[in-house]
Amino acid sequence: MKRIDINSREAIQLAIEFLSKGKIIVYPTDTIYGFGCDATDYEAITKLNNLKGRQSPISIIAPDKKTAVNWFNIRKKEKKKLLKTFENGSTIIAPIKNKLVHNKIKGKNNSVGIRVPNYPFCVSLSKSFEKPITTTSVNKTGSEPHVNPDLIEEEFGREVPLLIDAGILNNQPSSIFKFELDRLVSIR
């Protein structure tokens, strides 16, 4: 596993190189570390699901609220409503536009969770990469998410080629909402 400090000038560029090659990366968010891969790449998503030991929907990050809301496949008035209520750092699950991500990460009714992290690194990464990027906790399903880069490297160093290191992250998980029947319903 290659480990690069978040403050390195090459961190974003290196992350994009790995994502473009269908690789999984570990990157810091405003909450915890996330596994990221190209959300349109079937093989990368399959590797990620195998790594986590699951087959379930995976959220993606967006660089800003406007982009996130425009990725949803909902009516214009619903988009306006979401723009007013979408808080940075939150995840909203709703139907998305066709062909935005691979079907393998979608949930029921063509839905995906979209998160706008309140974290400059994620915003820059999402703006710089031309496709949506997955965001899911760094852990095996059923285990606590890793917050320590040393432990991440110890457990996943042979399977994940890149870790963007921001030190130990000990923050609260993001709020998750589902958009249904023209309103946001809190899930977490």
Protein backbone atom coordinates (compact mmCIF):
# COMPACT_ATOMS: atom_id res chain seq x y z
CA MET A 1 0.00 0.00 0.00
CA LYS A 2 1.28 3.43 -0.95
CA ARG A 3 0.63 5.96 1.79
CA ILE A 4 0.62 9.67 1.04
CA ASP A 5 -0.02 12.58 3.38
CA ILE A 6 -3.23 14.50 2.70
CA ASN A 7 -1.24 17.75 2.55
CA SER A 8 1.03 16.48 -0.23
CA ARG A 9 0.63 18.30 -3.54
CA GLU A 10 0.41 14.93 -5.26
CA ALA A 11 -2.40 13.48 -3.11
CA ILE A 12 -5.31 14.42 -5.43
CA GLN A 13 -3.39 13.59 -8.59
CA LEU A 14 -2.33 10.20 -7.26
CA ALA A 15 -5.88 9.40 -6.12
CA ILE A 16 -7.20 10.22 -9.60
CA GLU A 17 -4.55 8.03 -11.24
CA PHE A 18 -5.52 5.05 -9.08
CA LEU A 19 -9.27 5.62 -9.54
CA SER A 20 -8.80 5.90 -13.32
CA LYS A 21 -7.08 2.52 -13.36
CA GLY A 22 -9.99 0.79 -11.60
CA LYS A 23 -8.25 0.68 -8.23
CA ILE A 24 -9.72 1.13 -4.76
CA ILE A 25 -8.34 3.91 -2.59
CA VAL A 26 -8.75 4.84 1.07
CA TYR A 27 -9.39 8.54 1.62
CA PRO A 28 -10.33 10.72 4.58
CA THR A 29 -13.68 12.44 4.84
CA ASP A 30 -15.16 14.84 7.37
CA THR A 31 -16.31 11.83 9.38
CA ILE A 32 -14.16 8.71 8.90
CA TYR A 33 -12.01 7.06 6.24
CA GLY A 34 -13.80 5.86 3.13
CA PHE A 35 -13.15 3.28 0.45
CA GLY A 36 -13.37 4.94 -2.93
CA CYS A 37 -13.52 3.62 -6.46
CA ASP A 38 -14.95 4.72 -9.78
CA ALA A 39 -18.70 4.30 -9.27
CA THR A 40 -19.15 3.41 -12.95
CA ASP A 41 -16.55 0.61 -12.98
CA TYR A 42 -18.11 -2.85 -12.54
CA GLU A 43 -14.82 -4.60 -11.73
CA ALA A 44 -13.76 -1.98 -9.16
CA ILE A 45 -17.17 -2.16 -7.48
CA THR A 46 -17.00 -5.97 -7.43
CA LYS A 47 -13.54 -5.79 -5.79
CA LEU A 48 -14.88 -3.31 -3.23
CA ASN A 49 -17.89 -5.49 -2.37
CA ASN A 50 -15.61 -8.53 -2.01
CA LEU A 51 -13.24 -6.53 0.19
CA LYS A 52 -16.07 -5.49 2.50
CA GLY A 53 -17.80 -8.88 2.32
CA ARG A 54 -21.15 -7.62 1.12
CA GLN A 55 -23.37 -6.97 -1.90
CA SER A 56 -25.37 -3.86 -1.10
CA PRO A 57 -25.89 -0.31 -2.35
CA ILE A 58 -22.95 2.07 -1.99
CA SER A 59 -23.14 5.86 -1.62
CA ILE A 60 -21.19 8.32 -3.75
CA ILE A 61 -19.69 11.74 -3.07
CA ALA A 62 -20.48 14.95 -4.92
CA PRO A 63 -18.43 18.15 -4.88
CA ASP A 64 -21.35 20.41 -3.93
CA LYS A 65 -25.09 20.48 -3.25
CA LYS A 66 -26.03 21.69 -6.73
CA THR A 67 -24.19 18.82 -8.43
CA ALA A 68 -25.69 16.31 -5.99
CA VAL A 69 -29.24 17.53 -6.52
CA ASN A 70 -28.76 17.55 -10.30
CA TRP A 71 -27.68 13.89 -10.19
CA PHE A 72 -31.07 12.96 -8.72
CA ASN A 73 -33.84 11.92 -11.09
CA ILE A 74 -36.60 13.92 -9.42
CA ARG A 75 -38.91 16.75 -10.45
CA LYS A 76 -37.61 20.31 -10.68
CA LYS A 77 -39.66 21.52 -7.70
CA GLU A 78 -38.29 18.62 -5.62
CA LYS A 79 -34.75 19.60 -6.61
CA LYS A 80 -35.40 23.16 -5.44
CA LYS A 81 -36.72 21.85 -2.13
CA LEU A 82 -33.67 19.60 -1.68
CA LEU A 83 -31.27 22.46 -2.44
CA LYS A 84 -32.74 24.37 0.49
CA THR A 85 -32.55 21.46 2.94
CA PHE A 86 -29.42 19.55 1.84
CA GLU A 87 -26.75 20.10 4.48
CA ASN A 88 -23.09 19.56 3.58
CA GLY A 89 -21.95 16.41 5.34
CA SER A 90 -25.32 14.70 4.94
CA THR A 91 -26.26 11.81 2.67
CA ILE A 92 -29.55 11.79 0.78
CA ILE A 93 -30.91 8.63 -0.83
CA ALA A 94 -33.14 9.18 -3.85
CA PRO A 95 -33.59 7.95 -7.43
CA ILE A 96 -30.71 9.05 -9.67
CA LYS A 97 -30.24 9.68 -13.36
CA ASN A 98 -29.68 6.64 -15.55
CA LYS A 99 -26.09 5.71 -16.38
CA LEU A 100 -24.64 8.01 -13.69
CA VAL A 101 -23.26 5.01 -11.76
CA HIS A 102 -23.12 1.27 -12.35
CA ASN A 103 -26.34 -0.58 -11.50
CA LYS A 104 -24.40 -2.76 -9.04
CA ILE A 105 -24.30 0.06 -6.43
CA LYS A 106 -27.93 1.13 -6.78
CA GLY A 107 -30.67 0.36 -4.30
CA LYS A 108 -34.41 -0.02 -4.81
CA ASN A 109 -36.12 2.21 -7.36
CA ASN A 110 -32.81 3.18 -9.01
CA SER A 111 -31.74 5.00 -5.84
CA VAL A 112 -28.29 5.91 -4.54
CA GLY A 113 -27.09 7.82 -1.50
CA ILE A 114 -25.28 10.99 -2.48
CA ARG A 115 -23.12 12.75 0.07
CA VAL A 116 -21.56 16.20 -0.06
CA PRO A 117 -18.69 15.91 2.41
CA ASN A 118 -17.89 18.99 4.43
CA TYR A 119 -14.17 18.43 3.78
CA PRO A 120 -11.91 20.25 1.28
CA PHE A 121 -10.00 17.13 0.20
CA CYS A 122 -13.19 15.30 -0.81
CA VAL A 123 -14.55 18.35 -2.60
CA SER A 124 -11.32 18.71 -4.60
CA LEU A 125 -11.19 14.99 -5.38
CA SER A 126 -14.82 14.90 -6.50
CA LYS A 127 -14.37 18.01 -8.67
CA SER A 128 -11.17 16.66 -10.22
CA PHE A 129 -12.39 13.14 -11.06
CA GLU A 130 -14.82 13.13 -13.97
CA LYS A 131 -17.07 10.38 -12.58
CA PRO A 132 -18.82 9.76 -9.26
CA ILE A 133 -16.67 8.16 -6.55
CA THR A 134 -17.95 5.63 -4.01
CA THR A 135 -17.85 6.41 -0.33
CA THR A 136 -18.25 3.61 2.17
CA SER A 137 -16.63 3.03 5.54
CA VAL A 138 -13.24 1.31 5.73
CA ASN A 139 -14.11 -1.97 7.40
CA LYS A 140 -15.37 -5.48 6.79
CA THR A 141 -19.15 -5.58 7.01
CA GLY A 142 -20.18 -6.06 10.63
CA SER A 143 -16.93 -4.61 12.03
CA GLU A 144 -16.35 -1.12 13.40
CA PRO A 145 -15.04 1.37 10.82
CA HIS A 146 -11.30 2.04 11.00
CA VAL A 147 -10.25 5.55 12.04
CA ASN A 148 -6.50 4.88 12.38
CA PRO A 149 -4.41 4.78 9.18
CA ASP A 150 -1.93 2.33 10.75
CA LEU A 151 -4.72 -0.18 11.38
CA ILE A 152 -6.12 0.42 7.89
CA GLU A 153 -2.74 -0.39 6.39
CA GLU A 154 -2.39 -3.44 8.62
CA GLU A 155 -5.76 -4.93 7.57
CA PHE A 156 -6.11 -3.73 3.98
CA GLY A 157 -2.54 -2.97 2.88
CA ARG A 158 -2.33 -5.95 0.53
CA GLU A 159 -5.69 -5.29 -1.13
CA VAL A 160 -5.88 -1.50 -1.39
CA PRO A 161 -3.01 0.18 -3.22
CA LEU A 162 -3.42 3.78 -1.95
CA LEU A 163 -4.12 5.42 1.41
CA ILE A 164 -4.47 9.19 1.73
CA ASP A 165 -3.33 9.73 5.32
CA ALA A 166 -4.95 12.43 7.45
CA GLY A 167 -4.05 10.91 10.79
CA ILE A 168 -6.58 9.45 13.21
CA LEU A 169 -10.16 10.51 12.43
CA ASN A 170 -12.59 10.23 15.30
CA ASN A 171 -15.73 11.97 14.10
CA GLN A 172 -19.42 11.16 14.12
CA PRO A 173 -20.92 9.36 11.10
CA SER A 174 -22.90 11.41 8.61
CA SER A 175 -26.64 11.96 8.82
CA ILE A 176 -28.56 9.89 6.27
CA PHE A 177 -31.94 10.86 4.82
CA LYS A 178 -34.19 9.19 2.28
CA PHE A 179 -36.18 11.39 -0.07
CA GLU A 180 -39.64 9.90 -0.43
CA LEU A 181 -43.12 11.27 -0.93
CA ASP A 182 -41.69 14.74 -1.46
CA ARG A 183 -39.99 14.91 1.95
CA LEU A 184 -36.78 13.88 3.72
CA VAL A 185 -37.07 11.00 6.17
CA SER A 186 -34.22 10.58 8.67
CA ILE A 187 -32.56 7.15 8.62
CA ARG A 188 -29.55 7.95 10.84
